Amino acid sequence: MNLLEILKDAIKPFVDGKKPPLHAGEVMNLWFYLAASEQTMRGEQISFNIVQDAELKENLNEIINNVHAPIIKEITDFLREEGVSLPPSTPDKPIGDFREIPEGAKLNDEEVSNLLQFNLVLGINYACRGLTEAVRPDVAAMFAKYQIMKVTSSLPLKDLAMKKGWFKQPPYYRPEHV
């Protein structure tokens, strides 16, 4: 596999400046990814206000500002340029210190960590779907970039969860008939 040939083939349709219109699947995948990213980020903003572990708070800040905010901006700008209406959105959550919320009414740091990891995995999987269903190379490239962004942000979070004892790992499988 020649990486330069792949890159050349990906760019080739745009050399003349003309792009085909988005197909319905690309619009649906981008629209859904935008809506899901916005809602995921709202949960992360709320979580940022209640987590107590400094490293987890740093991870949340990184994911909010360097993963979801850029993804949301890029897809929003892209869909507007393509003339696609945007999904309804909710406003950003304010930053504050809400640790005084009773324990039964909020997630603890372990629960936030595991939910954050789960949401990253979902984002990676849905980006894979968008990538494989895209016809236009620019749309495929966007989804490939989102996969990379989420994978690279999930690795330090996994390390933190393992270090803190929050990582959910299934039991080892040992067949009894061996």
N, C-alpha and C. Protein backbone atom coordinates (compact mmCIF):
# COMPACT_ATOMS: atom_id res chain seq x y z
N MET A 1 0.86 -1.17 0.00
CA MET A 1 0.00 0.00 0.00
C MET A 1 0.91 1.24 0.00
N ASN A 2 0.69 2.10 -0.97
CA ASN A 2 1.48 3.32 -1.09
C ASN A 2 0.65 4.49 -0.55
N LEU A 3 1.08 5.02 0.57
CA LEU A 3 0.34 6.09 1.23
C LEU A 3 0.17 7.32 0.35
N LEU A 4 1.19 7.67 -0.42
CA LEU A 4 1.10 8.84 -1.30
C LEU A 4 0.07 8.63 -2.39
N GLU A 5 -0.03 7.41 -2.92
CA GLU A 5 -1.05 7.12 -3.94
C GLU A 5 -2.46 7.24 -3.36
N ILE A 6 -2.62 6.74 -2.15
CA ILE A 6 -3.92 6.83 -1.48
C ILE A 6 -4.30 8.29 -1.26
N LEU A 7 -3.36 9.09 -0.79
CA LEU A 7 -3.60 10.51 -0.56
C LEU A 7 -3.93 11.22 -1.88
N LYS A 8 -3.17 10.90 -2.94
CA LYS A 8 -3.43 11.51 -4.25
C LYS A 8 -4.84 11.17 -4.74
N ASP A 9 -5.24 9.90 -4.58
CA ASP A 9 -6.57 9.48 -5.00
C ASP A 9 -7.66 10.17 -4.18
N ALA A 10 -7.39 10.42 -2.91
CA ALA A 10 -8.37 11.09 -2.06
C ALA A 10 -8.55 12.55 -2.45
N ILE A 11 -7.48 13.19 -2.87
CA ILE A 11 -7.52 14.61 -3.21
C ILE A 11 -7.97 14.84 -4.65
N LYS A 12 -7.75 13.88 -5.52
CA LYS A 12 -8.01 14.01 -6.95
C LYS A 12 -9.39 14.59 -7.29
N PRO A 13 -10.48 14.14 -6.66
CA PRO A 13 -11.79 14.69 -7.04
C PRO A 13 -11.95 16.18 -6.76
N PHE A 14 -11.08 16.77 -5.93
CA PHE A 14 -11.24 18.16 -5.55
C PHE A 14 -10.28 19.10 -6.26
N VAL A 15 -9.42 18.55 -7.13
CA VAL A 15 -8.44 19.37 -7.83
C VAL A 15 -9.13 20.40 -8.73
N ASP A 16 -10.23 20.00 -9.34
CA ASP A 16 -10.93 20.93 -10.22
C ASP A 16 -11.85 21.88 -9.46
N GLY A 17 -11.93 21.74 -8.14
CA GLY A 17 -12.73 22.64 -7.32
C GLY A 17 -14.20 22.26 -7.24
N LYS A 18 -14.61 21.22 -7.91
CA LYS A 18 -16.01 20.79 -7.88
C LYS A 18 -16.17 19.59 -6.97
N LYS A 19 -17.16 19.65 -6.12
CA LYS A 19 -17.47 18.52 -5.25
C LYS A 19 -18.88 18.04 -5.58
N PRO A 20 -19.07 16.74 -5.58
CA PRO A 20 -20.44 16.26 -5.76
C PRO A 20 -21.26 16.62 -4.52
N PRO A 21 -22.57 16.69 -4.64
CA PRO A 21 -23.37 16.96 -3.44
C PRO A 21 -23.26 15.81 -2.45
N LEU A 22 -23.50 16.13 -1.20
CA LEU A 22 -23.53 15.08 -0.18
C LEU A 22 -24.67 14.13 -0.48
N HIS A 23 -24.48 12.85 -0.22
CA HIS A 23 -25.61 11.94 -0.36
C HIS A 23 -26.33 11.83 0.98
N ALA A 24 -27.51 11.27 0.96
CA ALA A 24 -28.37 11.23 2.15
C ALA A 24 -27.69 10.57 3.34
N GLY A 25 -26.91 9.51 3.10
CA GLY A 25 -26.23 8.82 4.19
C GLY A 25 -25.16 9.68 4.83
N GLU A 26 -24.44 10.43 4.00
CA GLU A 26 -23.41 11.32 4.55
C GLU A 26 -24.05 12.40 5.42
N VAL A 27 -25.15 12.97 4.92
CA VAL A 27 -25.85 14.00 5.69
C VAL A 27 -26.35 13.42 7.01
N MET A 28 -26.96 12.24 6.94
CA MET A 28 -27.49 11.63 8.16
C MET A 28 -26.36 11.35 9.16
N ASN A 29 -25.25 10.78 8.68
CA ASN A 29 -24.14 10.47 9.59
C ASN A 29 -23.53 11.72 10.20
N LEU A 30 -23.32 12.77 9.40
CA LEU A 30 -22.77 14.03 9.92
C LEU A 30 -23.75 14.68 10.90
N TRP A 31 -25.01 14.71 10.53
CA TRP A 31 -26.04 15.34 11.36
C TRP A 31 -26.13 14.62 12.71
N PHE A 32 -26.18 13.29 12.67
CA PHE A 32 -26.25 12.51 13.90
C PHE A 32 -24.99 12.68 14.74
N TYR A 33 -23.82 12.67 14.09
CA TYR A 33 -22.56 12.81 14.82
C TYR A 33 -22.49 14.16 15.51
N LEU A 34 -22.98 15.19 14.84
CA LEU A 34 -23.01 16.53 15.44
C LEU A 34 -23.94 16.54 16.65
N ALA A 35 -25.16 16.03 16.49
CA ALA A 35 -26.12 16.02 17.60
C ALA A 35 -25.59 15.21 18.78
N ALA A 36 -25.00 14.05 18.51
CA ALA A 36 -24.48 13.21 19.58
C ALA A 36 -23.27 13.86 20.25
N SER A 37 -22.41 14.52 19.46
CA SER A 37 -21.24 15.19 20.04
C SER A 37 -21.66 16.33 20.96
N GLU A 38 -22.67 17.08 20.54
CA GLU A 38 -23.15 18.18 21.39
C GLU A 38 -23.72 17.67 22.70
N GLN A 39 -24.53 16.62 22.64
CA GLN A 39 -25.11 16.09 23.87
C GLN A 39 -24.06 15.45 24.76
N THR A 40 -23.09 14.78 24.14
CA THR A 40 -21.99 14.19 24.92
C THR A 40 -21.21 15.28 25.63
N MET A 41 -20.95 16.38 24.91
CA MET A 41 -20.20 17.47 25.52
C MET A 41 -20.97 18.11 26.67
N ARG A 42 -22.29 18.17 26.58
CA ARG A 42 -23.07 18.73 27.70
C ARG A 42 -22.86 17.87 28.96
N GLY A 43 -22.89 16.56 28.78
CA GLY A 43 -22.62 15.67 29.92
C GLY A 43 -21.23 15.85 30.47
N GLU A 44 -20.26 16.07 29.58
CA GLU A 44 -18.88 16.31 30.02
C GLU A 44 -18.76 17.63 30.77
N GLN A 45 -19.49 18.64 30.31
CA GLN A 45 -19.46 19.94 31.00
C GLN A 45 -20.04 19.82 32.41
N ILE A 46 -21.13 19.08 32.53
CA ILE A 46 -21.72 18.85 33.85
C ILE A 46 -20.74 18.06 34.72
N SER A 47 -20.13 17.02 34.13
CA SER A 47 -19.18 16.20 34.86
C SER A 47 -17.97 17.02 35.33
N PHE A 48 -17.53 17.94 34.49
CA PHE A 48 -16.39 18.79 34.86
C PHE A 48 -16.67 19.54 36.16
N ASN A 49 -17.91 19.92 36.37
CA ASN A 49 -18.28 20.67 37.56
C ASN A 49 -18.34 19.83 38.83
N ILE A 50 -18.43 18.52 38.69
CA ILE A 50 -18.62 17.69 39.88
C ILE A 50 -17.47 16.75 40.21
N VAL A 51 -16.56 16.51 39.25
CA VAL A 51 -15.46 15.58 39.55
C VAL A 51 -14.51 16.20 40.56
N GLN A 52 -13.93 15.34 41.36
CA GLN A 52 -13.00 15.82 42.37
C GLN A 52 -11.55 15.47 42.07
N ASP A 53 -11.34 14.44 41.27
CA ASP A 53 -9.98 14.02 40.92
C ASP A 53 -9.40 15.01 39.91
N ALA A 54 -8.24 15.58 40.26
CA ALA A 54 -7.61 16.61 39.40
C ALA A 54 -7.22 16.06 38.04
N GLU A 55 -6.72 14.83 37.98
CA GLU A 55 -6.32 14.24 36.69
C GLU A 55 -7.53 13.97 35.80
N LEU A 56 -8.62 13.52 36.40
CA LEU A 56 -9.85 13.28 35.63
C LEU A 56 -10.39 14.61 35.11
N LYS A 57 -10.34 15.63 35.95
CA LYS A 57 -10.79 16.97 35.53
C LYS A 57 -9.95 17.46 34.35
N GLU A 58 -8.65 17.23 34.39
CA GLU A 58 -7.76 17.61 33.30
C GLU A 58 -8.12 16.86 32.01
N ASN A 59 -8.40 15.55 32.13
CA ASN A 59 -8.83 14.76 30.98
C ASN A 59 -10.14 15.28 30.40
N LEU A 60 -11.08 15.58 31.27
CA LEU A 60 -12.36 16.14 30.81
C LEU A 60 -12.14 17.45 30.06
N ASN A 61 -11.33 18.32 30.62
CA ASN A 61 -11.05 19.61 29.99
C ASN A 61 -10.44 19.40 28.60
N GLU A 62 -9.50 18.48 28.51
CA GLU A 62 -8.85 18.15 27.24
C GLU A 62 -9.88 17.66 26.21
N ILE A 63 -10.75 16.75 26.62
CA ILE A 63 -11.73 16.18 25.69
C ILE A 63 -12.77 17.22 25.29
N ILE A 64 -13.22 18.03 26.23
CA ILE A 64 -14.19 19.08 25.90
C ILE A 64 -13.60 20.06 24.89
N ASN A 65 -12.42 20.59 25.21
CA ASN A 65 -11.86 21.68 24.42
C ASN A 65 -11.06 21.26 23.19
N ASN A 66 -10.49 20.06 23.20
CA ASN A 66 -9.63 19.65 22.09
C ASN A 66 -10.18 18.49 21.28
N VAL A 67 -11.32 17.95 21.68
CA VAL A 67 -11.96 16.89 20.89
C VAL A 67 -13.35 17.35 20.47
N HIS A 68 -14.26 17.47 21.43
CA HIS A 68 -15.65 17.74 21.05
C HIS A 68 -15.90 19.15 20.52
N ALA A 69 -15.32 20.15 21.14
CA ALA A 69 -15.55 21.52 20.63
C ALA A 69 -15.08 21.67 19.18
N PRO A 70 -13.86 21.20 18.82
CA PRO A 70 -13.44 21.31 17.42
C PRO A 70 -14.29 20.47 16.46
N ILE A 71 -14.71 19.27 16.90
CA ILE A 71 -15.57 18.43 16.06
C ILE A 71 -16.88 19.15 15.80
N ILE A 72 -17.48 19.68 16.85
CA ILE A 72 -18.76 20.39 16.71
C ILE A 72 -18.62 21.58 15.78
N LYS A 73 -17.57 22.36 15.94
CA LYS A 73 -17.36 23.52 15.08
C LYS A 73 -17.16 23.11 13.63
N GLU A 74 -16.32 22.09 13.41
CA GLU A 74 -16.05 21.68 12.03
C GLU A 74 -17.30 21.15 11.34
N ILE A 75 -18.05 20.29 12.01
CA ILE A 75 -19.25 19.74 11.36
C ILE A 75 -20.29 20.84 11.17
N THR A 76 -20.46 21.71 12.15
CA THR A 76 -21.42 22.82 12.01
C THR A 76 -21.07 23.68 10.80
N ASP A 77 -19.82 24.10 10.71
CA ASP A 77 -19.38 24.92 9.57
C ASP A 77 -19.57 24.17 8.25
N PHE A 78 -19.20 22.91 8.23
CA PHE A 78 -19.30 22.10 7.02
C PHE A 78 -20.75 21.97 6.56
N LEU A 79 -21.65 21.63 7.50
CA LEU A 79 -23.06 21.46 7.12
C LEU A 79 -23.67 22.78 6.66
N ARG A 80 -23.30 23.87 7.30
CA ARG A 80 -23.80 25.19 6.84
C ARG A 80 -23.34 25.48 5.42
N GLU A 81 -22.05 25.22 5.15
CA GLU A 81 -21.51 25.45 3.80
C GLU A 81 -22.21 24.58 2.77
N GLU A 82 -22.64 23.40 3.18
CA GLU A 82 -23.32 22.48 2.27
C GLU A 82 -24.83 22.75 2.20
N GLY A 83 -25.32 23.70 2.99
CA GLY A 83 -26.74 24.04 2.97
C GLY A 83 -27.63 23.08 3.73
N VAL A 84 -27.06 22.37 4.69
CA VAL A 84 -27.83 21.40 5.48
C VAL A 84 -28.24 22.07 6.79
N SER A 85 -29.51 21.94 7.15
CA SER A 85 -29.95 22.52 8.42
C SER A 85 -29.33 21.73 9.57
N LEU A 86 -29.13 22.43 10.67
CA LEU A 86 -28.45 21.84 11.83
C LEU A 86 -29.45 21.24 12.80
N PRO A 87 -29.02 20.24 13.57
CA PRO A 87 -29.91 19.70 14.60
C PRO A 87 -30.12 20.73 15.70
N PRO A 88 -31.26 20.65 16.38
CA PRO A 88 -31.46 21.56 17.52
C PRO A 88 -30.38 21.31 18.56
N SER A 89 -29.96 22.37 19.22
CA SER A 89 -28.89 22.26 20.20
C SER A 89 -29.33 22.87 21.52
N THR A 90 -28.60 22.53 22.55
CA THR A 90 -28.83 23.12 23.86
C THR A 90 -27.61 23.97 24.20
N PRO A 91 -27.76 24.95 25.09
CA PRO A 91 -26.62 25.82 25.41
C PRO A 91 -25.55 25.10 26.22
N ASP A 92 -24.32 25.62 26.12
CA ASP A 92 -23.23 25.11 26.95
C ASP A 92 -23.62 25.22 28.41
N LYS A 93 -23.07 24.33 29.22
CA LYS A 93 -23.31 24.36 30.66
C LYS A 93 -22.27 25.28 31.30
N PRO A 94 -22.68 26.02 32.32
CA PRO A 94 -21.72 26.93 32.97
C PRO A 94 -20.69 26.14 33.78
N ILE A 95 -19.53 26.74 33.94
CA ILE A 95 -18.48 26.15 34.77
C ILE A 95 -18.73 26.62 36.21
N GLY A 96 -18.64 25.70 37.13
CA GLY A 96 -18.84 26.04 38.53
C GLY A 96 -18.36 24.91 39.41
N ASP A 97 -18.50 25.10 40.69
CA ASP A 97 -18.12 24.09 41.65
C ASP A 97 -19.39 23.58 42.31
N PHE A 98 -19.83 22.42 41.83
CA PHE A 98 -21.10 21.87 42.31
C PHE A 98 -20.89 20.60 43.12
N ARG A 99 -19.75 20.51 43.81
CA ARG A 99 -19.45 19.30 44.57
C ARG A 99 -20.36 19.13 45.78
N GLU A 100 -21.10 20.16 46.14
CA GLU A 100 -21.97 20.07 47.31
C GLU A 100 -23.27 19.32 47.02
N ILE A 101 -23.46 18.92 45.77
CA ILE A 101 -24.64 18.13 45.42
C ILE A 101 -24.53 16.80 46.18
N PRO A 102 -25.62 16.34 46.79
CA PRO A 102 -25.57 15.09 47.54
C PRO A 102 -25.10 13.92 46.67
N GLU A 103 -24.40 12.98 47.28
CA GLU A 103 -23.81 11.84 46.56
C GLU A 103 -24.82 11.09 45.70
N GLY A 104 -26.01 10.86 46.17
CA GLY A 104 -26.99 10.10 45.41
C GLY A 104 -27.56 10.85 44.21
N ALA A 105 -27.23 12.13 44.09
CA ALA A 105 -27.79 12.95 43.02
C ALA A 105 -26.76 13.30 41.94
N LYS A 106 -25.58 12.71 42.03
CA LYS A 106 -24.54 12.98 41.03
C LYS A 106 -23.69 11.74 40.83
N LEU A 107 -22.98 11.70 39.72
CA LEU A 107 -22.05 10.61 39.45
C LEU A 107 -20.77 10.84 40.24
N ASN A 108 -20.15 9.75 40.70
CA ASN A 108 -18.84 9.91 41.34
C ASN A 108 -17.76 9.86 40.26
N ASP A 109 -16.51 10.07 40.64
CA ASP A 109 -15.41 10.14 39.67
C ASP A 109 -15.27 8.84 38.86
N GLU A 110 -15.42 7.70 39.50
CA GLU A 110 -15.33 6.42 38.78
C GLU A 110 -16.43 6.32 37.73
N GLU A 111 -17.64 6.70 38.10
CA GLU A 111 -18.76 6.64 37.15
C GLU A 111 -18.56 7.61 35.99
N VAL A 112 -18.06 8.80 36.28
CA VAL A 112 -17.77 9.77 35.22
C VAL A 112 -16.71 9.21 34.28
N SER A 113 -15.66 8.64 34.83
CA SER A 113 -14.58 8.07 34.03
C SER A 113 -15.11 6.98 33.10
N ASN A 114 -15.90 6.08 33.63
CA ASN A 114 -16.42 4.98 32.83
C ASN A 114 -17.42 5.46 31.78
N LEU A 115 -18.25 6.42 32.10
CA LEU A 115 -19.18 6.98 31.11
C LEU A 115 -18.42 7.71 30.01
N LEU A 116 -17.39 8.43 30.39
CA LEU A 116 -16.56 9.14 29.41
C LEU A 116 -15.90 8.14 28.46
N GLN A 117 -15.34 7.06 29.01
CA GLN A 117 -14.73 6.03 28.17
C GLN A 117 -15.75 5.39 27.24
N PHE A 118 -16.92 5.09 27.75
CA PHE A 118 -17.98 4.48 26.94
C PHE A 118 -18.38 5.41 25.80
N ASN A 119 -18.54 6.70 26.10
CA ASN A 119 -18.92 7.65 25.06
C ASN A 119 -17.84 7.80 24.00
N LEU A 120 -16.58 7.74 24.40
CA LEU A 120 -15.49 7.79 23.42
C LEU A 120 -15.52 6.58 22.50
N VAL A 121 -15.77 5.40 23.07
CA VAL A 121 -15.87 4.19 22.26
C VAL A 121 -17.02 4.31 21.26
N LEU A 122 -18.16 4.80 21.72
CA LEU A 122 -19.29 4.99 20.79
C LEU A 122 -18.92 5.97 19.68
N GLY A 123 -18.23 7.05 20.04
CA GLY A 123 -17.81 8.03 19.04
C GLY A 123 -16.85 7.44 18.03
N ILE A 124 -15.95 6.58 18.49
CA ILE A 124 -15.02 5.90 17.58
C ILE A 124 -15.79 4.99 16.63
N ASN A 125 -16.73 4.23 17.17
CA ASN A 125 -17.51 3.31 16.34
C ASN A 125 -18.37 4.05 15.31
N TYR A 126 -19.03 5.12 15.74
CA TYR A 126 -19.88 5.87 14.81
C TYR A 126 -19.04 6.62 13.78
N ALA A 127 -17.84 7.03 14.13
CA ALA A 127 -16.94 7.65 13.15
C ALA A 127 -16.53 6.61 12.11
N CYS A 128 -16.33 5.38 12.54
CA CYS A 128 -16.01 4.30 11.60
C CYS A 128 -17.16 4.11 10.62
N ARG A 129 -18.37 4.15 11.12
CA ARG A 129 -19.53 4.02 10.24
C ARG A 129 -19.57 5.16 9.23
N GLY A 130 -19.38 6.39 9.72
CA GLY A 130 -19.38 7.54 8.81
C GLY A 130 -18.28 7.44 7.77
N LEU A 131 -17.12 6.96 8.18
CA LEU A 131 -15.99 6.80 7.27
C LEU A 131 -16.30 5.77 6.19
N THR A 132 -16.81 4.63 6.58
CA THR A 132 -17.04 3.56 5.61
C THR A 132 -18.23 3.84 4.70
N GLU A 133 -19.19 4.64 5.15
CA GLU A 133 -20.36 4.94 4.33
C GLU A 133 -20.19 6.20 3.49
N ALA A 134 -19.12 6.95 3.70
CA ALA A 134 -18.90 8.19 2.96
C ALA A 134 -18.51 7.88 1.51
N VAL A 135 -19.05 8.68 0.61
CA VAL A 135 -18.67 8.60 -0.79
C VAL A 135 -17.63 9.68 -1.08
N ARG A 136 -17.87 10.87 -0.54
CA ARG A 136 -16.93 11.96 -0.76
C ARG A 136 -15.70 11.79 0.12
N PRO A 137 -14.51 11.95 -0.47
CA PRO A 137 -13.27 11.80 0.32
C PRO A 137 -13.15 12.80 1.46
N ASP A 138 -13.68 14.03 1.30
CA ASP A 138 -13.57 15.00 2.39
C ASP A 138 -14.39 14.58 3.60
N VAL A 139 -15.54 13.97 3.37
CA VAL A 139 -16.36 13.48 4.48
C VAL A 139 -15.67 12.29 5.14
N ALA A 140 -15.14 11.39 4.35
CA ALA A 140 -14.40 10.24 4.91
C ALA A 140 -13.22 10.72 5.74
N ALA A 141 -12.51 11.73 5.25
CA ALA A 141 -11.36 12.26 5.98
C ALA A 141 -11.78 12.88 7.31
N MET A 142 -12.93 13.55 7.33
CA MET A 142 -13.42 14.13 8.59
C MET A 142 -13.65 13.02 9.61
N PHE A 143 -14.33 11.97 9.20
CA PHE A 143 -14.62 10.88 10.14
C PHE A 143 -13.35 10.15 10.56
N ALA A 144 -12.39 10.00 9.65
CA ALA A 144 -11.11 9.38 10.02
C ALA A 144 -10.41 10.23 11.09
N LYS A 145 -10.45 11.55 10.90
CA LYS A 145 -9.83 12.46 11.86
C LYS A 145 -10.52 12.34 13.23
N TYR A 146 -11.85 12.22 13.24
CA TYR A 146 -12.58 12.12 14.51
C TYR A 146 -12.22 10.83 15.23
N GLN A 147 -12.03 9.74 14.47
CA GLN A 147 -11.60 8.49 15.08
C GLN A 147 -10.25 8.67 15.76
N ILE A 148 -9.32 9.27 15.06
CA ILE A 148 -7.98 9.47 15.61
C ILE A 148 -8.03 10.36 16.84
N MET A 149 -8.82 11.42 16.78
CA MET A 149 -8.93 12.33 17.93
C MET A 149 -9.45 11.59 19.15
N LYS A 150 -10.46 10.76 18.95
CA LYS A 150 -11.07 10.07 20.09
C LYS A 150 -10.20 8.93 20.60
N VAL A 151 -9.52 8.24 19.70
CA VAL A 151 -8.61 7.18 20.15
C VAL A 151 -7.48 7.78 20.97
N THR A 152 -6.87 8.85 20.47
CA THR A 152 -5.73 9.44 21.20
C THR A 152 -6.15 10.05 22.53
N SER A 153 -7.39 10.49 22.65
CA SER A 153 -7.83 11.03 23.94
C SER A 153 -8.30 9.92 24.88
N SER A 154 -8.66 8.77 24.34
CA SER A 154 -9.12 7.69 25.21
C SER A 154 -7.98 6.94 25.88
N LEU A 155 -6.80 6.94 25.26
CA LEU A 155 -5.67 6.20 25.84
C LEU A 155 -5.22 6.74 27.19
N PRO A 156 -5.01 8.06 27.34
CA PRO A 156 -4.64 8.56 28.68
C PRO A 156 -5.77 8.35 29.71
N LEU A 157 -7.00 8.42 29.25
CA LEU A 157 -8.13 8.20 30.16
C LEU A 157 -8.15 6.75 30.64
N LYS A 158 -7.88 5.82 29.74
CA LYS A 158 -7.81 4.40 30.12
C LYS A 158 -6.69 4.18 31.13
N ASP A 159 -5.53 4.78 30.88
CA ASP A 159 -4.41 4.66 31.81
C ASP A 159 -4.78 5.20 33.19
N LEU A 160 -5.46 6.34 33.22
CA LEU A 160 -5.89 6.94 34.49
C LEU A 160 -6.87 6.01 35.20
N ALA A 161 -7.83 5.47 34.45
CA ALA A 161 -8.82 4.58 35.06
C ALA A 161 -8.15 3.33 35.63
N MET A 162 -7.17 2.82 34.94
CA MET A 162 -6.46 1.64 35.45
C MET A 162 -5.66 2.00 36.71
N LYS A 163 -5.01 3.14 36.68
CA LYS A 163 -4.22 3.59 37.83
C LYS A 163 -5.10 3.80 39.07
N LYS A 164 -6.31 4.34 38.86
CA LYS A 164 -7.20 4.64 39.99
C LYS A 164 -8.07 3.45 40.40
N GLY A 165 -8.01 2.35 39.64
CA GLY A 165 -8.85 1.19 39.96
C GLY A 165 -10.28 1.34 39.47
N TRP A 166 -10.52 2.22 38.51
CA TRP A 166 -11.87 2.46 37.97
C TRP A 166 -12.15 1.65 36.72
N PHE A 167 -11.14 1.08 36.12
CA PHE A 167 -11.29 0.40 34.83
C PHE A 167 -12.14 -0.85 34.99
N LYS A 168 -13.15 -0.98 34.16
CA LYS A 168 -14.04 -2.15 34.18
C LYS A 168 -13.48 -3.18 33.22
N GLN A 169 -13.05 -4.30 33.77
CA GLN A 169 -12.46 -5.35 32.97
C GLN A 169 -13.20 -6.66 33.24
N PRO A 170 -13.61 -7.35 32.17
CA PRO A 170 -14.29 -8.63 32.39
C PRO A 170 -13.31 -9.66 32.95
N PRO A 171 -13.85 -10.71 33.54
CA PRO A 171 -12.96 -11.75 34.08
C PRO A 171 -12.24 -12.47 32.94
N TYR A 172 -11.12 -13.05 33.26
CA TYR A 172 -10.40 -13.85 32.28
C TYR A 172 -11.21 -15.11 31.97
N TYR A 173 -11.11 -15.56 30.76
CA TYR A 173 -11.82 -16.75 30.34
C TYR A 173 -10.87 -17.94 30.37
N ARG A 174 -11.21 -18.90 31.16
CA ARG A 174 -10.42 -20.14 31.24
C ARG A 174 -11.36 -21.32 31.05
N PRO A 175 -11.36 -21.86 29.85
CA PRO A 175 -12.26 -23.01 29.64
C PRO A 175 -11.89 -24.17 30.54
N GLU A 176 -12.88 -24.80 31.07
CA GLU A 176 -12.66 -25.91 32.00
C GLU A 176 -12.32 -27.21 31.29
N HIS A 177 -12.56 -27.29 30.00
CA HIS A 177 -12.34 -28.53 29.25
C HIS A 177 -10.95 -28.60 28.61
N VAL A 178 -10.07 -27.72 28.95
CA VAL A 178 -8.74 -27.72 28.33
C VAL A 178 -7.79 -28.56 29.10
